[in-house]
Amino acid sequence: MGDLRKPFLLLAMLAIVLAIAVELGAGLLIGGGDAGAALADSARALDVEIDDVSGVSEPSGRGTGYLALIDAVAVWSTGLFCLGLLLPERVQGRVQGVAGLIFSIILIIVGLIALLIAFVELMIMVSLFLAVPFGTLAYLALWGFFPVGDAAVVLGLVLLLKLVWAGLLVLAQPRFLQNKGLVLLILTTLLCTVVLEFLHNLVPVILVSIVDDVAALVFAIIAIIWGLVLLIGSIPAIVKAIRVTAALPGR
């Protein structure tokens, strides 16, 4: 890899791993606060009397967690660069092809499952929200009081870690900028993070869970597309490895 600066590459790997760890832990970091008082106020606005609002909490949403589907590709790509520090280029090519095929298939399957879950949840959200008044109250109790502030803090941390990751990659090897796929991946994950934060602040708080779920759907689709790209890209490496193996003299 020429003048590759190994410490920066390893730090970049650490940064993107931390970013995806924060995203996967979003369910614990976002939401959980008491929303009973807010639900009671909403019920009065709908002229509905409810007695017990205990146990109503803020939702965590899916958008931030679904960013991890895209960032799994970032971890994978950075991991391949790190793998080059350990394996000879010839061996790395063979390993990359097979491992890339397996990873892409897993990503596509997980992305499809996540897409289905988010879609079903979105349909339930919209159906309840439109079923005034009792369906709306049920929606509010489950998803109506999204903690926009908590999500902003988490997304801000994630965005910072991704910027650090991208910067460290460039410091490790400026020629990484010539890798169009890597540049597109960096732009994709940064843009998705910024757009999610924008959507959280675009609509009234009672609708944030819906737009968050829409964003999760889009993220799952993007992850599936990246999985297909990796799947197609792994085929030439596998074919080459098979040809090289077949060309070896028999024992």
C-alpha atoms as a PDB file:
ATOM      1  CA  MET A   1       0.000   0.000   0.000  1.00  0.00           C
ATOM      2  CA  GLY A   2       2.891   2.331  -0.566  1.00  0.00           C
ATOM      3  CA  ASP A   3       3.288   5.017   2.074  1.00  0.00           C
ATOM      4  CA  LEU A   4       0.354   3.787   4.158  1.00  0.00           C
ATOM      5  CA  ARG A   5       0.407   5.240   7.663  1.00  0.00           C
ATOM      6  CA  LYS A   6      -0.652   2.278   9.767  1.00  0.00           C
ATOM      7  CA  PRO A   7      -1.475   4.089  13.046  1.00  0.00           C
ATOM      8  CA  PHE A   8      -3.976   6.357  11.289  1.00  0.00           C
ATOM      9  CA  LEU A   9      -5.593   3.373   9.580  1.00  0.00           C
ATOM     10  CA  LEU A  10      -5.979   1.506  12.863  1.00  0.00           C
ATOM     11  CA  LEU A  11      -7.416   4.614  14.519  1.00  0.00           C
ATOM     12  CA  ALA A  12      -9.854   4.957  11.621  1.00  0.00           C
ATOM     13  CA  MET A  13     -10.972   1.386  12.226  1.00  0.00           C
ATOM     14  CA  LEU A  14     -11.490   2.175  15.898  1.00  0.00           C
ATOM     15  CA  ALA A  15     -13.518   5.297  15.078  1.00  0.00           C
ATOM     16  CA  ILE A  16     -15.953   3.547  12.738  1.00  0.00           C
ATOM     17  CA  VAL A  17     -16.337   0.606  15.130  1.00  0.00           C
ATOM     18  CA  LEU A  18     -17.219   3.059  17.905  1.00  0.00           C
ATOM     19  CA  ALA A  19     -19.707   4.773  15.583  1.00  0.00           C
ATOM     20  CA  ILE A  20     -21.523   1.557  14.771  1.00  0.00           C
ATOM     21  CA  ALA A  21     -21.444   0.555  18.448  1.00  0.00           C
ATOM     22  CA  VAL A  22     -23.212   3.802  19.367  1.00  0.00           C
ATOM     23  CA  GLU A  23     -25.787   3.196  16.630  1.00  0.00           C
ATOM     24  CA  LEU A  24     -26.460  -0.349  17.771  1.00  0.00           C
ATOM     25  CA  GLY A  25     -26.799   0.897  21.336  1.00  0.00           C
ATOM     26  CA  ALA A  26     -29.226   3.643  20.352  1.00  0.00           C
ATOM     27  CA  GLY A  27     -32.108   1.679  21.832  1.00  0.00           C
ATOM     28  CA  LEU A  28     -30.483   2.054  25.245  1.00  0.00           C
ATOM     29  CA  LEU A  29     -29.264   5.622  24.765  1.00  0.00           C
ATOM     30  CA  ILE A  30     -32.424   7.138  23.277  1.00  0.00           C
ATOM     31  CA  GLY A  31     -35.863   7.162  24.866  1.00  0.00           C
ATOM     32  CA  GLY A  32     -37.133   5.512  27.997  1.00  0.00           C
ATOM     33  CA  GLY A  33     -38.140   8.751  29.702  1.00  0.00           C
ATOM     34  CA  ASP A  34     -41.597   9.166  31.212  1.00  0.00           C
ATOM     35  CA  ALA A  35     -44.183  10.489  28.743  1.00  0.00           C
ATOM     36  CA  GLY A  36     -47.291  10.029  30.875  1.00  0.00           C
ATOM     37  CA  ALA A  37     -47.923  13.737  31.433  1.00  0.00           C
ATOM     38  CA  ALA A  38     -47.601  14.498  27.726  1.00  0.00           C
ATOM     39  CA  LEU A  39     -50.061  11.708  26.894  1.00  0.00           C
ATOM     40  CA  ALA A  40     -52.564  13.040  29.432  1.00  0.00           C
ATOM     41  CA  ASP A  41     -52.361  16.500  27.855  1.00  0.00           C
ATOM     42  CA  SER A  42     -52.912  15.023  24.395  1.00  0.00           C
ATOM     43  CA  ALA A  43     -55.908  13.039  25.650  1.00  0.00           C
ATOM     44  CA  ARG A  44     -57.512  16.190  27.024  1.00  0.00           C
ATOM     45  CA  ALA A  45     -56.959  17.907  23.675  1.00  0.00           C
ATOM     46  CA  LEU A  46     -58.894  15.042  22.040  1.00  0.00           C
ATOM     47  CA  ASP A  47     -61.661  15.279  24.689  1.00  0.00           C
ATOM     48  CA  VAL A  48     -60.895  11.787  25.932  1.00  0.00           C
ATOM     49  CA  GLU A  49     -60.566  10.910  29.592  1.00  0.00           C
ATOM     50  CA  ILE A  50     -57.851   8.439  30.579  1.00  0.00           C
ATOM     51  CA  ASP A  51     -57.150   7.451  34.149  1.00  0.00           C
ATOM     52  CA  ASP A  52     -53.827   5.632  34.134  1.00  0.00           C
ATOM     53  CA  VAL A  53     -50.890   6.993  32.147  1.00  0.00           C
ATOM     54  CA  SER A  54     -48.201   5.171  34.091  1.00  0.00           C
ATOM     55  CA  GLY A  55     -45.782   3.095  32.090  1.00  0.00           C
ATOM     56  CA  VAL A  56     -45.904   5.378  29.045  1.00  0.00           C
ATOM     57  CA  SER A  57     -42.348   6.083  27.934  1.00  0.00           C
ATOM     58  CA  GLU A  58     -40.526   7.797  25.108  1.00  0.00           C
ATOM     59  CA  PRO A  59     -39.728   5.546  22.117  1.00  0.00           C
ATOM     60  CA  SER A  60     -36.185   4.957  20.924  1.00  0.00           C
ATOM     61  CA  GLY A  61     -36.964   4.832  17.207  1.00  0.00           C
ATOM     62  CA  ARG A  62     -35.352   2.737  14.495  1.00  0.00           C
ATOM     63  CA  GLY A  63     -33.556   5.282  12.343  1.00  0.00           C
ATOM     64  CA  THR A  64     -30.331   5.550  14.324  1.00  0.00           C
ATOM     65  CA  GLY A  65     -30.047   1.799  14.763  1.00  0.00           C
ATOM     66  CA  TYR A  66     -30.663   1.199  11.064  1.00  0.00           C
ATOM     67  CA  LEU A  67     -27.713   3.440  10.212  1.00  0.00           C
ATOM     68  CA  ALA A  68     -25.614   0.519  11.430  1.00  0.00           C
ATOM     69  CA  LEU A  69     -26.707  -1.458   8.358  1.00  0.00           C
ATOM     70  CA  ILE A  70     -24.934   1.052   6.140  1.00  0.00           C
ATOM     71  CA  ASP A  71     -21.994   1.482   8.469  1.00  0.00           C
ATOM     72  CA  ALA A  72     -21.440  -2.261   8.492  1.00  0.00           C
ATOM     73  CA  VAL A  73     -20.164  -1.722   4.952  1.00  0.00           C
ATOM     74  CA  ALA A  74     -17.845   1.010   6.249  1.00  0.00           C
ATOM     75  CA  VAL A  75     -16.486  -1.329   8.920  1.00  0.00           C
ATOM     76  CA  TRP A  76     -16.067  -4.049   6.307  1.00  0.00           C
ATOM     77  CA  SER A  77     -14.199  -1.790   3.886  1.00  0.00           C
ATOM     78  CA  THR A  78     -11.907  -0.424   6.577  1.00  0.00           C
ATOM     79  CA  GLY A  79     -11.318  -3.941   7.846  1.00  0.00           C
ATOM     80  CA  LEU A  80     -10.152  -5.002   4.392  1.00  0.00           C
ATOM     81  CA  PHE A  81      -7.585  -2.212   4.399  1.00  0.00           C
ATOM     82  CA  CYS A  82      -6.390  -3.397   7.806  1.00  0.00           C
ATOM     83  CA  LEU A  83      -6.292  -6.976   6.547  1.00  0.00           C
ATOM     84  CA  GLY A  84      -3.787  -5.849   3.952  1.00  0.00           C
ATOM     85  CA  LEU A  85      -1.383  -5.132   6.795  1.00  0.00           C
ATOM     86  CA  LEU A  86      -1.363  -8.805   7.756  1.00  0.00           C
ATOM     87  CA  LEU A  87      -1.753 -10.807   4.556  1.00  0.00           C
ATOM     88  CA  PRO A  88       0.187 -10.819   1.287  1.00  0.00           C
ATOM     89  CA  GLU A  89      -1.710  -9.233  -1.595  1.00  0.00           C
ATOM     90  CA  ARG A  90      -2.142 -12.572  -3.395  1.00  0.00           C
ATOM     91  CA  VAL A  91      -3.657 -14.265  -0.349  1.00  0.00           C
ATOM     92  CA  GLN A  92      -5.742 -11.214   0.499  1.00  0.00           C
ATOM     93  CA  GLY A  93      -7.370 -11.295  -2.935  1.00  0.00           C
ATOM     94  CA  ARG A  94      -8.592 -14.852  -2.423  1.00  0.00           C
ATOM     95  CA  VAL A  95      -9.823 -14.227   1.107  1.00  0.00           C
ATOM     96  CA  GLN A  96     -11.512 -10.980   0.109  1.00  0.00           C
ATOM     97  CA  GLY A  97     -13.528 -12.629  -2.644  1.00  0.00           C
ATOM     98  CA  VAL A  98     -14.985 -15.431  -0.541  1.00  0.00           C
ATOM     99  CA  ALA A  99     -15.437 -13.316   2.584  1.00  0.00           C
ATOM    100  CA  GLY A 100     -17.005 -10.533   0.523  1.00  0.00           C
ATOM    101  CA  LEU A 101     -19.523 -12.963  -0.932  1.00  0.00           C
ATOM    102  CA  ILE A 102     -20.513 -14.239   2.519  1.00  0.00           C
ATOM    103  CA  PHE A 103     -20.697 -10.745   4.025  1.00  0.00           C
ATOM    104  CA  SER A 104     -22.799  -9.363   1.175  1.00  0.00           C
ATOM    105  CA  ILE A 105     -25.306 -12.218   1.386  1.00  0.00           C
ATOM    106  CA  ILE A 106     -25.652 -11.743   5.153  1.00  0.00           C
ATOM    107  CA  LEU A 107     -26.069  -7.983   4.711  1.00  0.00           C
ATOM    108  CA  ILE A 108     -28.765  -8.433   2.075  1.00  0.00           C
ATOM    109  CA  ILE A 109     -30.694 -10.933   4.211  1.00  0.00           C
ATOM    110  CA  VAL A 110     -30.469  -8.794   7.347  1.00  0.00           C
ATOM    111  CA  GLY A 111     -31.407  -5.720   5.319  1.00  0.00           C
ATOM    112  CA  LEU A 112     -34.497  -7.436   3.908  1.00  0.00           C
ATOM    113  CA  ILE A 113     -35.621  -8.564   7.362  1.00  0.00           C
ATOM    114  CA  ALA A 114     -35.038  -5.086   8.784  1.00  0.00           C
ATOM    115  CA  LEU A 115     -36.925  -3.569   5.852  1.00  0.00           C
ATOM    116  CA  LEU A 116     -39.925  -5.810   6.479  1.00  0.00           C
ATOM    117  CA  ILE A 117     -39.969  -5.042  10.211  1.00  0.00           C
ATOM    118  CA  ALA A 118     -39.778  -1.291   9.649  1.00  0.00           C
ATOM    119  CA  PHE A 119     -42.476  -1.412   6.961  1.00  0.00           C
ATOM    120  CA  VAL A 120     -44.918  -3.344   9.143  1.00  0.00           C
ATOM    121  CA  GLU A 121     -44.290  -1.011  12.063  1.00  0.00           C
ATOM    122  CA  LEU A 122     -44.794   2.032   9.832  1.00  0.00           C
ATOM    123  CA  MET A 123     -48.142   0.702   8.610  1.00  0.00           C
ATOM    124  CA  ILE A 124     -49.259   0.148  12.202  1.00  0.00           C
ATOM    125  CA  MET A 125     -48.140   3.649  13.160  1.00  0.00           C
ATOM    126  CA  VAL A 126     -50.019   5.344  10.336  1.00  0.00           C
ATOM    127  CA  SER A 127     -53.152   3.236  10.839  1.00  0.00           C
ATOM    128  CA  LEU A 128     -53.325   4.030  14.544  1.00  0.00           C
ATOM    129  CA  PHE A 129     -52.534   7.705  14.060  1.00  0.00           C
ATOM    130  CA  LEU A 130     -55.410   8.126  11.604  1.00  0.00           C
ATOM    131  CA  ALA A 131     -57.911   6.217  13.773  1.00  0.00           C
ATOM    132  CA  VAL A 132     -59.091   9.210  15.818  1.00  0.00           C
ATOM    133  CA  PRO A 133     -59.466   9.358  18.765  1.00  0.00           C
ATOM    134  CA  PHE A 134     -58.643   6.044  20.417  1.00  0.00           C
ATOM    135  CA  GLY A 135     -56.241   4.802  17.762  1.00  0.00           C
ATOM    136  CA  THR A 136     -54.476   8.145  17.895  1.00  0.00           C
ATOM    137  CA  LEU A 137     -54.133   7.847  21.654  1.00  0.00           C
ATOM    138  CA  ALA A 138     -52.696   4.355  21.267  1.00  0.00           C
ATOM    139  CA  TYR A 139     -50.202   5.737  18.745  1.00  0.00           C
ATOM    140  CA  LEU A 140     -49.275   8.573  21.091  1.00  0.00           C
ATOM    141  CA  ALA A 141     -48.788   6.152  23.971  1.00  0.00           C
ATOM    142  CA  LEU A 142     -46.395   4.017  21.941  1.00  0.00           C
ATOM    143  CA  TRP A 143     -44.631   6.422  19.590  1.00  0.00           C
ATOM    144  CA  GLY A 144     -45.985   9.934  20.070  1.00  0.00           C
ATOM    145  CA  PHE A 145     -43.270  11.541  22.164  1.00  0.00           C
ATOM    146  CA  PHE A 146     -39.954  10.898  20.463  1.00  0.00           C
ATOM    147  CA  PRO A 147     -36.966  12.277  22.436  1.00  0.00           C
ATOM    148  CA  VAL A 148     -35.589  14.552  19.736  1.00  0.00           C
ATOM    149  CA  GLY A 149     -32.982  16.050  22.065  1.00  0.00           C
ATOM    150  CA  ASP A 150     -31.536  12.683  23.093  1.00  0.00           C
ATOM    151  CA  ALA A 151     -31.432  11.550  19.476  1.00  0.00           C
ATOM    152  CA  ALA A 152     -29.650  14.755  18.459  1.00  0.00           C
ATOM    153  CA  VAL A 153     -26.891  14.108  20.993  1.00  0.00           C
ATOM    154  CA  VAL A 154     -26.411  10.515  19.841  1.00  0.00           C
ATOM    155  CA  LEU A 155     -26.475  11.437  16.150  1.00  0.00           C
ATOM    156  CA  GLY A 156     -24.037  14.263  16.805  1.00  0.00           C
ATOM    157  CA  LEU A 157     -21.615  11.814  18.394  1.00  0.00           C
ATOM    158  CA  VAL A 158     -22.079   9.361  15.525  1.00  0.00           C
ATOM    159  CA  LEU A 159     -21.474  12.088  12.954  1.00  0.00           C
ATOM    160  CA  LEU A 160     -18.324  13.212  14.757  1.00  0.00           C
ATOM    161  CA  LEU A 161     -16.954   9.669  14.829  1.00  0.00           C
ATOM    162  CA  LYS A 162     -17.664   9.247  11.121  1.00  0.00           C
ATOM    163  CA  LEU A 163     -15.913  12.499  10.274  1.00  0.00           C
ATOM    164  CA  VAL A 164     -12.938  11.358  12.342  1.00  0.00           C
ATOM    165  CA  TRP A 165     -13.012   8.016  10.515  1.00  0.00           C
ATOM    166  CA  ALA A 166     -13.024   9.672   7.105  1.00  0.00           C
ATOM    167  CA  GLY A 167     -10.282  12.104   8.078  1.00  0.00           C
ATOM    168  CA  LEU A 168      -8.065   9.370   9.478  1.00  0.00           C
ATOM    169  CA  LEU A 169      -8.478   7.315   6.309  1.00  0.00           C
ATOM    170  CA  VAL A 170      -7.234  10.247   4.251  1.00  0.00           C
ATOM    171  CA  LEU A 171      -4.337  10.777   6.646  1.00  0.00           C
ATOM    172  CA  ALA A 172      -3.506   7.076   6.446  1.00  0.00           C
ATOM    173  CA  GLN A 173      -3.406   7.081   2.655  1.00  0.00           C
ATOM    174  CA  PRO A 174      -4.385  10.140   0.558  1.00  0.00           C
ATOM    175  CA  ARG A 175      -4.817   7.850  -2.446  1.00  0.00           C
ATOM    176  CA  PHE A 176      -7.925   6.440  -0.768  1.00  0.00           C
ATOM    177  CA  LEU A 177      -9.655   9.494  -2.246  1.00  0.00           C
ATOM    178  CA  GLN A 178      -9.102   7.951  -5.675  1.00  0.00           C
ATOM    179  CA  ASN A 179     -11.253   5.000  -4.632  1.00  0.00           C
ATOM    180  CA  LYS A 180     -14.647   6.098  -5.951  1.00  0.00           C
ATOM    181  CA  GLY A 181     -16.489   3.370  -4.079  1.00  0.00           C
ATOM    182  CA  LEU A 182     -14.974   4.410  -0.757  1.00  0.00           C
ATOM    183  CA  VAL A 183     -15.698   8.090  -1.372  1.00  0.00           C
ATOM    184  CA  LEU A 184     -19.301   7.240  -2.268  1.00  0.00           C
ATOM    185  CA  LEU A 185     -19.615   5.159   0.900  1.00  0.00           C
ATOM    186  CA  ILE A 186     -18.280   8.014   3.039  1.00  0.00           C
ATOM    187  CA  LEU A 187     -20.687  10.483   1.453  1.00  0.00           C
ATOM    188  CA  THR A 188     -23.581   8.042   1.818  1.00  0.00           C
ATOM    189  CA  THR A 189     -23.143   7.393   5.518  1.00  0.00           C
ATOM    190  CA  LEU A 190     -22.487  11.063   6.340  1.00  0.00           C
ATOM    191  CA  LEU A 191     -25.492  12.212   4.315  1.00  0.00           C
ATOM    192  CA  CYS A 192     -27.801   9.622   5.886  1.00  0.00           C
ATOM    193  CA  THR A 193     -26.776  10.735   9.373  1.00  0.00           C
ATOM    194  CA  VAL A 194     -27.348  14.411   8.590  1.00  0.00           C
ATOM    195  CA  VAL A 195     -30.681  13.723   6.869  1.00  0.00           C
ATOM    196  CA  LEU A 196     -31.942  11.721   9.851  1.00  0.00           C
ATOM    197  CA  GLU A 197     -31.140  14.593  12.201  1.00  0.00           C
ATOM    198  CA  PHE A 198     -32.858  16.999   9.790  1.00  0.00           C
ATOM    199  CA  LEU A 199     -36.000  14.856   9.636  1.00  0.00           C
ATOM    200  CA  HIS A 200     -36.213  14.694  13.421  1.00  0.00           C
ATOM    201  CA  ASN A 201     -36.481  18.471  13.498  1.00  0.00           C
ATOM    202  CA  LEU A 202     -38.658  18.851  10.407  1.00  0.00           C
ATOM    203  CA  VAL A 203     -42.039  17.750  11.773  1.00  0.00           C
ATOM    204  CA  PRO A 204     -43.970  18.145  15.048  1.00  0.00           C
ATOM    205  CA  VAL A 205     -42.795  15.827  17.792  1.00  0.00           C
ATOM    206  CA  ILE A 206     -45.838  13.543  17.531  1.00  0.00           C
ATOM    207  CA  LEU A 207     -44.864  12.720  13.928  1.00  0.00           C
ATOM    208  CA  VAL A 208     -41.139  12.240  14.482  1.00  0.00           C
ATOM    209  CA  SER A 209     -41.475   8.490  15.058  1.00  0.00           C
ATOM    210  CA  ILE A 210     -43.172   8.137  11.667  1.00  0.00           C
ATOM    211  CA  VAL A 211     -40.500  10.022   9.720  1.00  0.00           C
ATOM    212  CA  ASP A 212     -37.837   8.194  11.735  1.00  0.00           C
ATOM    213  CA  ASP A 213     -39.335   4.899  10.587  1.00  0.00           C
ATOM    214  CA  VAL A 214     -39.471   6.138   6.992  1.00  0.00           C
ATOM    215  CA  ALA A 215     -35.770   6.970   7.261  1.00  0.00           C
ATOM    216  CA  ALA A 216     -35.124   3.483   8.641  1.00  0.00           C
ATOM    217  CA  LEU A 217     -36.850   2.014   5.575  1.00  0.00           C
ATOM    218  CA  VAL A 218     -34.622   4.062   3.282  1.00  0.00           C
ATOM    219  CA  PHE A 219     -31.492   3.061   5.204  1.00  0.00           C
ATOM    220  CA  ALA A 220     -32.408  -0.617   4.890  1.00  0.00           C
ATOM    221  CA  ILE A 221     -32.867  -0.211   1.130  1.00  0.00           C
ATOM    222  CA  ILE A 222     -29.518   1.579   0.826  1.00  0.00           C
ATOM    223  CA  ALA A 223     -27.832  -1.203   2.796  1.00  0.00           C
ATOM    224  CA  ILE A 224     -29.369  -3.817   0.491  1.00  0.00           C
ATOM    225  CA  ILE A 225     -28.082  -1.904  -2.536  1.00  0.00           C
ATOM    226  CA  TRP A 226     -24.589  -1.812  -1.046  1.00  0.00           C
ATOM    227  CA  GLY A 227     -24.888  -5.524  -0.345  1.00  0.00           C
ATOM    228  CA  LEU A 228     -25.703  -6.154  -3.997  1.00  0.00           C
ATOM    229  CA  VAL A 229     -22.737  -4.012  -5.060  1.00  0.00           C
ATOM    230  CA  LEU A 230     -20.423  -6.016  -2.805  1.00  0.00           C
ATOM    231  CA  LEU A 231     -21.937  -9.266  -4.036  1.00  0.00           C
ATOM    232  CA  ILE A 232     -21.302  -8.363  -7.666  1.00  0.00           C
ATOM    233  CA  GLY A 233     -17.845  -7.048  -6.832  1.00  0.00           C
ATOM    234  CA  SER A 234     -16.835 -10.271  -5.095  1.00  0.00           C
ATOM    235  CA  ILE A 235     -17.537 -12.439  -8.141  1.00  0.00           C
ATOM    236  CA  PRO A 236     -14.431 -11.459 -10.183  1.00  0.00           C
ATOM    237  CA  ALA A 237     -12.172 -12.103  -7.177  1.00  0.00           C
ATOM    238  CA  ILE A 238     -13.704 -15.545  -6.664  1.00  0.00           C
ATOM    239  CA  VAL A 239     -13.401 -16.411 -10.364  1.00  0.00           C
ATOM    240  CA  LYS A 240      -9.776 -15.293 -10.367  1.00  0.00           C
ATOM    241  CA  ALA A 241      -9.030 -17.353  -7.263  1.00  0.00           C
ATOM    242  CA  ILE A 242     -10.622 -20.432  -8.861  1.00  0.00           C
ATOM    243  CA  ARG A 243      -8.585 -19.984 -12.031  1.00  0.00           C
ATOM    244  CA  VAL A 244      -5.357 -19.578 -10.083  1.00  0.00           C
ATOM    245  CA  THR A 245      -6.128 -22.675  -8.035  1.00  0.00           C
ATOM    246  CA  ALA A 246      -6.989 -24.672 -11.153  1.00  0.00           C
ATOM    247  CA  ALA A 247      -3.743 -23.582 -12.803  1.00  0.00           C
ATOM    248  CA  LEU A 248      -1.633 -24.930  -9.956  1.00  0.00           C
ATOM    249  CA  PRO A 249       0.168 -28.190 -10.795  1.00  0.00           C
ATOM    250  CA  GLY A 250      -1.443 -31.263  -9.308  1.00  0.00           C
ATOM    251  CA  ARG A 251       0.215 -33.065  -6.488  1.00  0.00           C
END
